[in-house]
C-alpha atoms as a PDB file:
ATOM      1  CA  MET A   1      -2.712  50.864   2.835  1.00  0.00           C
ATOM      2  CA  ALA A   2      -0.848  47.825   1.536  1.00  0.00           C
ATOM      3  CA  ALA A   3      -1.185  46.991  -2.126  1.00  0.00           C
ATOM      4  CA  ALA A   4      -3.445  44.036  -2.740  1.00  0.00           C
ATOM      5  CA  VAL A   5      -4.312  41.823  -5.654  1.00  0.00           C
ATOM      6  CA  VAL A   6      -7.899  42.567  -6.613  1.00  0.00           C
ATOM      7  CA  ALA A   7      -9.504  39.333  -7.722  1.00  0.00           C
ATOM      8  CA  ALA A   8     -12.058  39.242 -10.473  1.00  0.00           C
ATOM      9  CA  PRO A   9     -15.630  38.899  -9.240  1.00  0.00           C
ATOM     10  CA  GLU A  10     -17.542  35.687  -9.776  1.00  0.00           C
ATOM     11  CA  VAL A  11     -18.399  35.190 -13.424  1.00  0.00           C
ATOM     12  CA  LEU A  12     -21.973  36.173 -14.089  1.00  0.00           C
ATOM     13  CA  ARG A  13     -24.492  33.829 -15.661  1.00  0.00           C
ATOM     14  CA  GLU A  14     -26.414  36.682 -17.192  1.00  0.00           C
ATOM     15  CA  CYS A  15     -25.348  39.460 -19.522  1.00  0.00           C
ATOM     16  CA  GLY A  16     -26.586  42.856 -20.616  1.00  0.00           C
ATOM     17  CA  CYS A  17     -26.140  42.382 -24.365  1.00  0.00           C
ATOM     18  CA  LYS A  18     -28.759  43.729 -26.766  1.00  0.00           C
ATOM     19  CA  GLY A  19     -29.158  43.625 -30.530  1.00  0.00           C
ATOM     20  CA  ILE A  20     -25.950  42.633 -32.312  1.00  0.00           C
ATOM     21  CA  ARG A  21     -23.799  42.999 -29.184  1.00  0.00           C
ATOM     22  CA  THR A  22     -22.626  39.718 -27.645  1.00  0.00           C
ATOM     23  CA  CYS A  23     -20.333  38.325 -24.972  1.00  0.00           C
ATOM     24  CA  LEU A  24     -19.084  34.844 -24.111  1.00  0.00           C
ATOM     25  CA  ILE A  25     -22.038  34.250 -21.800  1.00  0.00           C
ATOM     26  CA  CYS A  26     -24.806  34.762 -24.361  1.00  0.00           C
ATOM     27  CA  GLU A  27     -22.762  33.182 -27.147  1.00  0.00           C
ATOM     28  CA  ARG A  28     -22.516  29.969 -25.124  1.00  0.00           C
ATOM     29  CA  GLN A  29     -26.205  30.084 -24.325  1.00  0.00           C
ATOM     30  CA  ARG A  30     -27.166  30.459 -27.979  1.00  0.00           C
ATOM     31  CA  GLY A  31     -24.716  27.867 -29.257  1.00  0.00           C
ATOM     32  CA  GLY A  32     -24.040  27.045 -32.893  1.00  0.00           C
ATOM     33  CA  ASP A  33     -22.369  29.270 -35.438  1.00  0.00           C
ATOM     34  CA  PRO A  34     -23.263  32.829 -34.493  1.00  0.00           C
ATOM     35  CA  PRO A  35     -24.831  34.993 -37.215  1.00  0.00           C
ATOM     36  CA  TRP A  36     -23.499  38.013 -35.311  1.00  0.00           C
ATOM     37  CA  GLN A  37     -19.913  37.522 -36.439  1.00  0.00           C
ATOM     38  CA  HIS A  38     -17.456  40.036 -35.071  1.00  0.00           C
ATOM     39  CA  PRO A  39     -16.239  42.679 -37.566  1.00  0.00           C
ATOM     40  CA  PRO A  40     -13.033  41.709 -39.409  1.00  0.00           C
ATOM     41  CA  GLN A  41      -9.758  43.150 -38.256  1.00  0.00           C
ATOM     42  CA  LYS A  42      -8.365  46.092 -40.170  1.00  0.00           C
ATOM     43  CA  THR A  43      -5.873  45.199 -42.878  1.00  0.00           C
ATOM     44  CA  HIS A  44      -2.965  47.333 -41.698  1.00  0.00           C
ATOM     45  CA  ARG A  45      -1.910  47.683 -38.056  1.00  0.00           C
ATOM     46  CA  PHE A  46       0.163  50.566 -36.748  1.00  0.00           C
ATOM     47  CA  ILE A  47       1.555  50.998 -33.227  1.00  0.00           C
ATOM     48  CA  TYR A  48       1.364  54.336 -31.428  1.00  0.00           C
ATOM     49  CA  TYR A  49       4.493  55.547 -29.637  1.00  0.00           C
ATOM     50  CA  SER A  50       3.688  58.031 -26.898  1.00  0.00           C
ATOM     51  CA  ASP A  51       7.234  59.420 -26.742  1.00  0.00           C
ATOM     52  CA  THR A  52       7.076  60.626 -30.358  1.00  0.00           C
ATOM     53  CA  GLY A  53       3.352  60.986 -31.088  1.00  0.00           C
ATOM     54  CA  TRP A  54       3.713  58.861 -34.233  1.00  0.00           C
ATOM     55  CA  ALA A  55       2.043  55.643 -35.369  1.00  0.00           C
ATOM     56  CA  VAL A  56       4.469  53.148 -36.928  1.00  0.00           C
ATOM     57  CA  GLY A  57       3.735  50.084 -39.031  1.00  0.00           C
ATOM     58  CA  ALA A  58       3.775  46.857 -37.045  1.00  0.00           C
ATOM     59  CA  GLU A  59       6.693  44.476 -37.382  1.00  0.00           C
ATOM     60  CA  GLU A  60       6.481  41.960 -40.246  1.00  0.00           C
ATOM     61  CA  SER A  61       3.650  43.943 -41.855  1.00  0.00           C
ATOM     62  CA  ASP A  62       3.452  45.541 -45.292  1.00  0.00           C
ATOM     63  CA  PHE A  63       4.131  48.918 -43.680  1.00  0.00           C
ATOM     64  CA  GLU A  64       6.838  47.956 -41.210  1.00  0.00           C
ATOM     65  CA  GLY A  65       9.077  50.993 -40.678  1.00  0.00           C
ATOM     66  CA  TRP A  66       6.572  53.444 -42.208  1.00  0.00           C
ATOM     67  CA  ALA A  67       4.957  56.044 -39.985  1.00  0.00           C
ATOM     68  CA  PHE A  68       2.529  58.955 -39.770  1.00  0.00           C
ATOM     69  CA  PRO A  69       1.867  61.569 -37.079  1.00  0.00           C
ATOM     70  CA  PHE A  70      -1.010  60.688 -34.771  1.00  0.00           C
ATOM     71  CA  PRO A  71      -1.894  63.815 -32.755  1.00  0.00           C
ATOM     72  CA  GLY A  72      -4.383  64.117 -29.917  1.00  0.00           C
ATOM     73  CA  VAL A  73      -3.168  61.281 -27.676  1.00  0.00           C
ATOM     74  CA  THR A  74      -1.515  62.013 -24.317  1.00  0.00           C
ATOM     75  CA  LEU A  75      -0.442  59.161 -22.053  1.00  0.00           C
ATOM     76  CA  ILE A  76       0.628  59.729 -18.455  1.00  0.00           C
ATOM     77  CA  GLU A  77       2.136  56.577 -16.968  1.00  0.00           C
ATOM     78  CA  ASP A  78       1.943  55.648 -13.271  1.00  0.00           C
ATOM     79  CA  PHE A  79      -0.714  58.282 -12.642  1.00  0.00           C
ATOM     80  CA  VAL A  80      -1.701  56.486  -9.441  1.00  0.00           C
ATOM     81  CA  THR A  81       0.241  54.154  -7.164  1.00  0.00           C
ATOM     82  CA  ARG A  82      -0.480  50.468  -6.595  1.00  0.00           C
ATOM     83  CA  ASP A  83      -1.924  51.269  -3.180  1.00  0.00           C
ATOM     84  CA  GLU A  84      -4.200  53.953  -4.618  1.00  0.00           C
ATOM     85  CA  GLU A  85      -5.298  51.606  -7.387  1.00  0.00           C
ATOM     86  CA  ALA A  86      -6.200  48.855  -4.935  1.00  0.00           C
ATOM     87  CA  GLU A  87      -8.106  51.246  -2.692  1.00  0.00           C
ATOM     88  CA  MET A  88     -10.125  52.717  -5.574  1.00  0.00           C
ATOM     89  CA  VAL A  89     -11.125  49.316  -6.932  1.00  0.00           C
ATOM     90  CA  GLN A  90     -12.120  48.104  -3.474  1.00  0.00           C
ATOM     91  CA  LEU A  91     -14.321  51.174  -3.041  1.00  0.00           C
ATOM     92  CA  MET A  92     -15.906  50.579  -6.454  1.00  0.00           C
ATOM     93  CA  ASP A  93     -16.604  46.936  -5.631  1.00  0.00           C
ATOM     94  CA  ARG A  94     -18.544  47.990  -2.543  1.00  0.00           C
ATOM     95  CA  GLU A  95     -21.093  49.612  -4.850  1.00  0.00           C
ATOM     96  CA  PRO A  96     -23.359  47.651  -7.207  1.00  0.00           C
ATOM     97  CA  TRP A  97     -22.214  47.032 -10.766  1.00  0.00           C
ATOM     98  CA  LYS A  98     -24.835  47.028 -13.542  1.00  0.00           C
ATOM     99  CA  LEU A  99     -24.728  44.627 -16.463  1.00  0.00           C
ATOM    100  CA  SER A 100     -23.783  46.314 -19.710  1.00  0.00           C
ATOM    101  CA  GLN A 101     -23.194  45.451 -23.361  1.00  0.00           C
ATOM    102  CA  SER A 102     -20.500  43.115 -24.694  1.00  0.00           C
ATOM    103  CA  GLY A 103     -19.628  41.497 -21.384  1.00  0.00           C
ATOM    104  CA  ARG A 104     -18.955  44.709 -19.498  1.00  0.00           C
ATOM    105  CA  ARG A 105     -20.291  45.929 -16.163  1.00  0.00           C
ATOM    106  CA  LYS A 106     -20.656  49.607 -15.351  1.00  0.00           C
ATOM    107  CA  GLN A 107     -21.206  52.266 -12.730  1.00  0.00           C
ATOM    108  CA  ASP A 108     -22.439  55.684 -13.884  1.00  0.00           C
ATOM    109  CA  TYR A 109     -21.996  58.951 -12.022  1.00  0.00           C
ATOM    110  CA  GLY A 110     -23.689  61.642 -14.060  1.00  0.00           C
ATOM    111  CA  PRO A 111     -26.986  63.029 -15.336  1.00  0.00           C
ATOM    112  CA  LYS A 112     -29.423  60.795 -17.169  1.00  0.00           C
ATOM    113  CA  VAL A 113     -29.031  61.674 -20.836  1.00  0.00           C
ATOM    114  CA  ASN A 114     -31.029  61.005 -24.003  1.00  0.00           C
ATOM    115  CA  PHE A 115     -28.446  61.779 -26.652  1.00  0.00           C
ATOM    116  CA  ARG A 116     -30.821  61.202 -29.567  1.00  0.00           C
ATOM    117  CA  LYS A 117     -33.278  63.810 -28.275  1.00  0.00           C
ATOM    118  CA  GLN A 118     -30.521  65.930 -26.692  1.00  0.00           C
ATOM    119  CA  LYS A 119     -32.215  66.042 -23.312  1.00  0.00           C
ATOM    120  CA  LEU A 120     -30.936  65.377 -19.805  1.00  0.00           C
ATOM    121  CA  LYS A 121     -32.185  65.118 -16.248  1.00  0.00           C
ATOM    122  CA  THR A 122     -30.269  65.903 -13.069  1.00  0.00           C
ATOM    123  CA  ALA A 123     -32.677  64.047 -10.760  1.00  0.00           C
ATOM    124  CA  GLY A 124     -30.769  61.543  -8.646  1.00  0.00           C
ATOM    125  CA  PHE A 125     -27.336  62.842  -9.672  1.00  0.00           C
ATOM    126  CA  ARG A 126     -25.364  63.675  -6.526  1.00  0.00           C
ATOM    127  CA  GLY A 127     -21.908  64.092  -7.976  1.00  0.00           C
ATOM    128  CA  LEU A 128     -18.770  62.105  -8.639  1.00  0.00           C
ATOM    129  CA  PRO A 129     -17.727  59.564  -5.971  1.00  0.00           C
ATOM    130  CA  SER A 130     -15.699  60.861  -3.046  1.00  0.00           C
ATOM    131  CA  PHE A 131     -12.574  58.877  -3.998  1.00  0.00           C
ATOM    132  CA  SER A 132     -12.331  60.818  -7.272  1.00  0.00           C
ATOM    133  CA  ARG A 133     -11.643  64.122  -5.521  1.00  0.00           C
ATOM    134  CA  ASP A 134      -7.910  63.462  -5.250  1.00  0.00           C
ATOM    135  CA  VAL A 135      -7.777  62.043  -8.780  1.00  0.00           C
ATOM    136  CA  VAL A 136      -9.332  65.206 -10.241  1.00  0.00           C
ATOM    137  CA  ARG A 137      -7.041  67.408  -8.162  1.00  0.00           C
ATOM    138  CA  ARG A 138      -4.000  65.521  -9.464  1.00  0.00           C
ATOM    139  CA  MET A 139      -5.165  65.918 -13.060  1.00  0.00           C
ATOM    140  CA  GLY A 140      -4.934  69.682 -12.628  1.00  0.00           C
ATOM    141  CA  LEU A 141      -1.177  69.391 -12.053  1.00  0.00           C
ATOM    142  CA  TYR A 142      -0.673  68.556 -15.736  1.00  0.00           C
ATOM    143  CA  PRO A 143      -0.826  71.414 -18.290  1.00  0.00           C
ATOM    144  CA  ILE A 144      -3.165  69.549 -20.621  1.00  0.00           C
ATOM    145  CA  LEU A 145      -5.677  69.115 -17.761  1.00  0.00           C
ATOM    146  CA  GLU A 146      -5.119  72.199 -15.602  1.00  0.00           C
ATOM    147  CA  ASP A 147      -8.640  73.524 -16.356  1.00  0.00           C
ATOM    148  CA  PHE A 148     -10.340  70.128 -16.694  1.00  0.00           C
ATOM    149  CA  ARG A 149     -13.559  69.946 -14.660  1.00  0.00           C
ATOM    150  CA  PRO A 150     -15.320  66.597 -15.121  1.00  0.00           C
ATOM    151  CA  VAL A 151     -19.092  66.486 -15.003  1.00  0.00           C
ATOM    152  CA  GLU A 152     -19.478  62.746 -15.504  1.00  0.00           C
ATOM    153  CA  GLN A 153     -17.655  59.574 -14.502  1.00  0.00           C
ATOM    154  CA  CYS A 154     -18.226  56.108 -15.924  1.00  0.00           C
ATOM    155  CA  ASN A 155     -16.559  53.038 -14.424  1.00  0.00           C
ATOM    156  CA  LEU A 156     -16.347  50.012 -16.703  1.00  0.00           C
ATOM    157  CA  ASP A 157     -15.385  46.516 -15.582  1.00  0.00           C
ATOM    158  CA  TYR A 158     -13.889  44.092 -18.127  1.00  0.00           C
ATOM    159  CA  CYS A 159     -12.902  40.465 -17.622  1.00  0.00           C
ATOM    160  CA  PRO A 160     -11.815  37.696 -20.023  1.00  0.00           C
ATOM    161  CA  GLU A 161     -14.281  35.158 -18.565  1.00  0.00           C
ATOM    162  CA  ARG A 162     -17.152  37.274 -19.895  1.00  0.00           C
ATOM    163  CA  GLY A 163     -15.436  38.097 -23.191  1.00  0.00           C
ATOM    164  CA  SER A 164     -15.605  41.801 -22.370  1.00  0.00           C
ATOM    165  CA  ALA A 165     -15.012  44.347 -25.129  1.00  0.00           C
ATOM    166  CA  ILE A 166     -16.305  47.632 -26.494  1.00  0.00           C
ATOM    167  CA  ASP A 167     -17.007  48.262 -30.177  1.00  0.00           C
ATOM    168  CA  PRO A 168     -15.429  51.112 -32.163  1.00  0.00           C
ATOM    169  CA  HIS A 169     -17.278  54.338 -31.377  1.00  0.00           C
ATOM    170  CA  LEU A 170     -17.043  58.098 -31.029  1.00  0.00           C
ATOM    171  CA  ASP A 171     -18.189  59.687 -27.802  1.00  0.00           C
ATOM    172  CA  ASP A 172     -21.017  62.218 -27.983  1.00  0.00           C
ATOM    173  CA  ALA A 173     -20.024  65.820 -28.724  1.00  0.00           C
ATOM    174  CA  TRP A 174     -23.331  67.578 -27.888  1.00  0.00           C
ATOM    175  CA  LEU A 175     -22.901  67.285 -24.113  1.00  0.00           C
ATOM    176  CA  TRP A 176     -19.330  66.058 -23.713  1.00  0.00           C
ATOM    177  CA  GLY A 177     -16.465  68.418 -24.434  1.00  0.00           C
ATOM    178  CA  GLU A 178     -13.056  68.358 -26.041  1.00  0.00           C
ATOM    179  CA  ARG A 179     -11.146  66.057 -23.695  1.00  0.00           C
ATOM    180  CA  LEU A 180     -11.874  62.432 -22.848  1.00  0.00           C
ATOM    181  CA  VAL A 181      -9.842  61.230 -19.878  1.00  0.00           C
ATOM    182  CA  SER A 182      -9.529  57.556 -18.887  1.00  0.00           C
ATOM    183  CA  LEU A 183      -7.664  55.869 -16.040  1.00  0.00           C
ATOM    184  CA  ASN A 184      -6.658  52.265 -16.784  1.00  0.00           C
ATOM    185  CA  LEU A 185      -6.551  50.025 -13.708  1.00  0.00           C
ATOM    186  CA  LEU A 186      -5.606  46.429 -12.757  1.00  0.00           C
ATOM    187  CA  SER A 187      -4.120  45.295 -16.087  1.00  0.00           C
ATOM    188  CA  PRO A 188      -2.584  46.655 -19.286  1.00  0.00           C
ATOM    189  CA  THR A 189      -4.585  46.647 -22.491  1.00  0.00           C
ATOM    190  CA  VAL A 190      -4.643  48.139 -25.984  1.00  0.00           C
ATOM    191  CA  LEU A 191      -6.925  50.902 -27.268  1.00  0.00           C
ATOM    192  CA  SER A 192      -7.622  50.240 -30.956  1.00  0.00           C
ATOM    193  CA  MET A 193      -8.370  53.311 -33.068  1.00  0.00           C
ATOM    194  CA  SER A 194      -9.875  53.348 -36.543  1.00  0.00           C
ATOM    195  CA  ARG A 195     -11.367  55.862 -38.954  1.00  0.00           C
ATOM    196  CA  GLU A 196     -14.012  55.298 -41.608  1.00  0.00           C
ATOM    197  CA  ALA A 197     -13.301  58.475 -43.566  1.00  0.00           C
ATOM    198  CA  PRO A 198     -12.427  58.171 -47.265  1.00  0.00           C
ATOM    199  CA  GLY A 199      -9.006  59.088 -48.517  1.00  0.00           C
ATOM    200  CA  SER A 200      -5.480  58.056 -47.673  1.00  0.00           C
ATOM    201  CA  LEU A 201      -2.895  58.629 -44.987  1.00  0.00           C
ATOM    202  CA  LEU A 202       0.513  59.873 -46.108  1.00  0.00           C
ATOM    203  CA  LEU A 203       3.385  57.880 -44.664  1.00  0.00           C
ATOM    204  CA  CYS A 204       7.034  58.657 -44.037  1.00  0.00           C
ATOM    205  CA  LEU A 205       9.815  56.124 -43.917  1.00  0.00           C
ATOM    206  CA  ALA A 206      10.948  56.199 -40.312  1.00  0.00           C
ATOM    207  CA  PRO A 207      14.642  57.167 -40.206  1.00  0.00           C
ATOM    208  CA  SER A 208      17.270  54.988 -38.596  1.00  0.00           C
ATOM    209  CA  GLY A 209      17.385  55.370 -34.844  1.00  0.00           C
ATOM    210  CA  PHE A 210      13.581  55.237 -34.509  1.00  0.00           C
ATOM    211  CA  PRO A 211      11.808  56.281 -32.368  1.00  0.00           C
ATOM    212  CA  GLU A 212      14.201  58.998 -31.176  1.00  0.00           C
ATOM    213  CA  ALA A 213      14.885  60.204 -34.715  1.00  0.00           C
ATOM    214  CA  LEU A 214      11.231  61.013 -35.310  1.00  0.00           C
ATOM    215  CA  VAL A 215      11.424  63.743 -32.699  1.00  0.00           C
ATOM    216  CA  GLU A 216      13.997  65.643 -34.759  1.00  0.00           C
ATOM    217  CA  GLY A 217      12.346  65.356 -38.140  1.00  0.00           C
ATOM    218  CA  VAL A 218      11.200  62.995 -40.863  1.00  0.00           C
ATOM    219  CA  MET A 219      11.497  62.547 -44.571  1.00  0.00           C
ATOM    220  CA  ALA A 220       8.889  63.790 -47.017  1.00  0.00           C
ATOM    221  CA  PRO A 221       5.845  61.528 -47.442  1.00  0.00           C
ATOM    222  CA  SER A 222       6.565  58.866 -50.000  1.00  0.00           C
ATOM    223  CA  ARG A 223       3.855  56.231 -49.508  1.00  0.00           C
ATOM    224  CA  SER A 224       0.173  56.147 -48.647  1.00  0.00           C
ATOM    225  CA  VAL A 225      -2.405  53.763 -47.218  1.00  0.00           C
ATOM    226  CA  LEU A 226      -6.197  53.846 -47.322  1.00  0.00           C
ATOM    227  CA  CYS A 227      -7.475  55.332 -44.092  1.00  0.00           C
ATOM    228  CA  GLN A 228     -10.301  52.785 -43.800  1.00  0.00           C
ATOM    229  CA  GLU A 229      -7.797  49.916 -43.772  1.00  0.00           C
ATOM    230  CA  VAL A 230      -5.747  51.235 -40.841  1.00  0.00           C
ATOM    231  CA  GLU A 231      -5.984  50.441 -37.148  1.00  0.00           C
ATOM    232  CA  VAL A 232      -3.741  52.225 -34.663  1.00  0.00           C
ATOM    233  CA  ALA A 233      -2.941  50.292 -31.489  1.00  0.00           C
ATOM    234  CA  VAL A 234      -2.374  52.523 -28.452  1.00  0.00           C
ATOM    235  CA  PRO A 235      -0.797  50.475 -25.620  1.00  0.00           C
ATOM    236  CA  LEU A 236      -2.284  51.410 -22.234  1.00  0.00           C
ATOM    237  CA  PRO A 237      -0.071  50.425 -19.292  1.00  0.00           C
ATOM    238  CA  ARG A 238      -1.610  49.574 -15.963  1.00  0.00           C
ATOM    239  CA  ARG A 239      -2.361  52.690 -13.850  1.00  0.00           C
ATOM    240  CA  SER A 240      -1.866  55.035 -16.821  1.00  0.00           C
ATOM    241  CA  LEU A 241      -4.029  58.057 -17.626  1.00  0.00           C
ATOM    242  CA  LEU A 242      -5.095  58.600 -21.238  1.00  0.00           C
ATOM    243  CA  VAL A 243      -6.282  61.932 -22.677  1.00  0.00           C
ATOM    244  CA  LEU A 244      -7.898  62.081 -26.130  1.00  0.00           C
ATOM    245  CA  THR A 245      -8.324  65.437 -27.887  1.00  0.00           C
ATOM    246  CA  GLY A 246      -8.643  66.824 -31.397  1.00  0.00           C
ATOM    247  CA  ALA A 247      -8.688  64.277 -34.209  1.00  0.00           C
ATOM    248  CA  ALA A 248      -8.155  61.388 -31.798  1.00  0.00           C
ATOM    249  CA  ARG A 249     -11.294  62.489 -29.947  1.00  0.00           C
ATOM    250  CA  HIS A 250     -13.574  63.487 -32.827  1.00  0.00           C
ATOM    251  CA  GLN A 251     -12.425  61.601 -35.943  1.00  0.00           C
ATOM    252  CA  TRP A 252     -10.855  58.317 -34.864  1.00  0.00           C
ATOM    253  CA  LYS A 253     -13.167  55.770 -33.258  1.00  0.00           C
ATOM    254  CA  HIS A 254     -11.786  53.917 -30.246  1.00  0.00           C
ATOM    255  CA  ALA A 255     -12.399  50.344 -29.139  1.00  0.00           C
ATOM    256  CA  ILE A 256     -11.153  47.626 -26.796  1.00  0.00           C
ATOM    257  CA  HIS A 257     -11.040  44.235 -28.523  1.00  0.00           C
ATOM    258  CA  ARG A 258     -11.831  41.051 -26.657  1.00  0.00           C
ATOM    259  CA  ARG A 259      -8.394  39.638 -27.390  1.00  0.00           C
ATOM    260  CA  HIS A 260      -6.799  42.517 -25.498  1.00  0.00           C
ATOM    261  CA  ILE A 261      -8.532  41.704 -22.203  1.00  0.00           C
ATOM    262  CA  GLU A 262      -6.284  39.098 -20.576  1.00  0.00           C
ATOM    263  CA  ALA A 263      -7.165  39.818 -16.917  1.00  0.00           C
ATOM    264  CA  ARG A 264      -9.670  41.903 -15.008  1.00  0.00           C
ATOM    265  CA  ARG A 265      -9.524  45.546 -16.110  1.00  0.00           C
ATOM    266  CA  VAL A 266     -11.330  48.527 -14.621  1.00  0.00           C
ATOM    267  CA  CYS A 267     -11.469  51.753 -16.602  1.00  0.00           C
ATOM    268  CA  ILE A 268     -12.590  55.088 -15.153  1.00  0.00           C
ATOM    269  CA  THR A 269     -13.588  57.630 -17.807  1.00  0.00           C
ATOM    270  CA  PHE A 270     -14.125  61.290 -17.003  1.00  0.00           C
ATOM    271  CA  ARG A 271     -15.927  63.699 -19.336  1.00  0.00           C
ATOM    272  CA  GLU A 272     -16.180  67.476 -19.364  1.00  0.00           C
ATOM    273  CA  LEU A 273     -18.911  69.753 -20.718  1.00  0.00           C
ATOM    274  CA  SER A 274     -19.112  70.955 -24.308  1.00  0.00           C
ATOM    275  CA  ALA A 275     -19.035  74.661 -25.215  1.00  0.00           C
ATOM    276  CA  GLU A 276     -22.841  74.781 -25.262  1.00  0.00           C
ATOM    277  CA  PHE A 277     -22.893  74.200 -21.491  1.00  0.00           C
ATOM    278  CA  CYS A 278     -19.912  76.408 -20.607  1.00  0.00           C
ATOM    279  CA  PRO A 279     -19.913  80.176 -19.880  1.00  0.00           C
ATOM    280  CA  GLY A 280     -21.212  81.991 -22.948  1.00  0.00           C
ATOM    281  CA  GLY A 281     -22.978  78.886 -24.239  1.00  0.00           C
ATOM    282  CA  ARG A 282     -26.694  78.501 -24.833  1.00  0.00           C
ATOM    283  CA  GLN A 283     -27.132  76.249 -21.786  1.00  0.00           C
ATOM    284  CA  GLN A 284     -24.509  77.748 -19.492  1.00  0.00           C
ATOM    285  CA  GLU A 285     -26.824  77.852 -16.470  1.00  0.00           C
ATOM    286  CA  LEU A 286     -27.554  74.132 -16.740  1.00  0.00           C
ATOM    287  CA  GLY A 287     -23.849  73.503 -17.179  1.00  0.00           C
ATOM    288  CA  GLN A 288     -23.059  75.410 -14.002  1.00  0.00           C
ATOM    289  CA  GLU A 289     -25.653  73.384 -12.113  1.00  0.00           C
ATOM    290  CA  LEU A 290     -24.149  70.138 -13.378  1.00  0.00           C
ATOM    291  CA  LEU A 291     -20.654  71.189 -12.338  1.00  0.00           C
ATOM    292  CA  GLN A 292     -21.775  72.181  -8.859  1.00  0.00           C
ATOM    293  CA  ILE A 293     -23.337  68.762  -8.414  1.00  0.00           C
ATOM    294  CA  SER A 294     -20.492  66.748  -9.919  1.00  0.00           C
ATOM    295  CA  LEU A 295     -17.715  68.488  -7.989  1.00  0.00           C
ATOM    296  CA  SER A 296     -19.494  68.027  -4.667  1.00  0.00           C
ATOM    297  CA  PHE A 297     -18.094  64.456  -4.761  1.00  0.00           C
ATOM    298  CA  GLN A 298     -21.100  63.007  -2.929  1.00  0.00           C
ATOM    299  CA  GLY A 299     -22.222  60.634  -5.654  1.00  0.00           C
ATOM    300  CA  ARG A 300     -23.496  57.090  -5.741  1.00  0.00           C
ATOM    301  CA  PRO A 301     -23.861  55.037  -8.950  1.00  0.00           C
ATOM    302  CA  MET A 302     -26.925  55.979 -10.988  1.00  0.00           C
END
């Protein structure tokens, strides 16, 4: 199938924003100076380098050249081809998109979940979409994902005309397991990670020859920065696969800022089950049922 440019859909005149969440559509409708001002940017910006696993102070910043290890982020570039990307997006666009918060649209393939009450229903869930079968199979070729069995898939559609974004958040850990896996399609973007924990991060002065020199070793920590003032920018190339684990999954919130959506972007996020729903867990039977459904690959958006 020949690669094709996937045009953004017609800009919607309605949005799915609730509460303090807003997008360009509802902001224009309300007019005036919005009382729902967006949260201020973090004071200190660091850039994540996937080849070293370190976050380094941005150029012309107070911490330029200073770095700290940032574990739990794995980036696999060119995970799918341009033809595969085009085909997947075309298949997604044949299904209905639902309005969501902050200018996004979504398609959900998974059980209906009430995270506050920790309850879920399988009614209507028929599995992941058929086009994801090959994607999941390919994931298993990488050591970090060789036993990854997704039980839920969420497709999110971002576009600059709607002012799409997603606020800093941590994904649920009651139902969803250790690894969060996301496939970034149609355009590059930046995942912004922040942490509200007290305390400081210890920094090392990056040696000459960065980033290669960081692989061999670094100097002893000699500077610190307040954790709450730091934002780590993780560049996500088009067609790349991102895996978050450990601290990056459970301690650092992740977000996509409006300013980092410059063209239509579609993100496919896959989630696995937590230990409670795996063999030996309290709800292992329900977990097995969910996996049988999800890996049948017969799903339609919920």
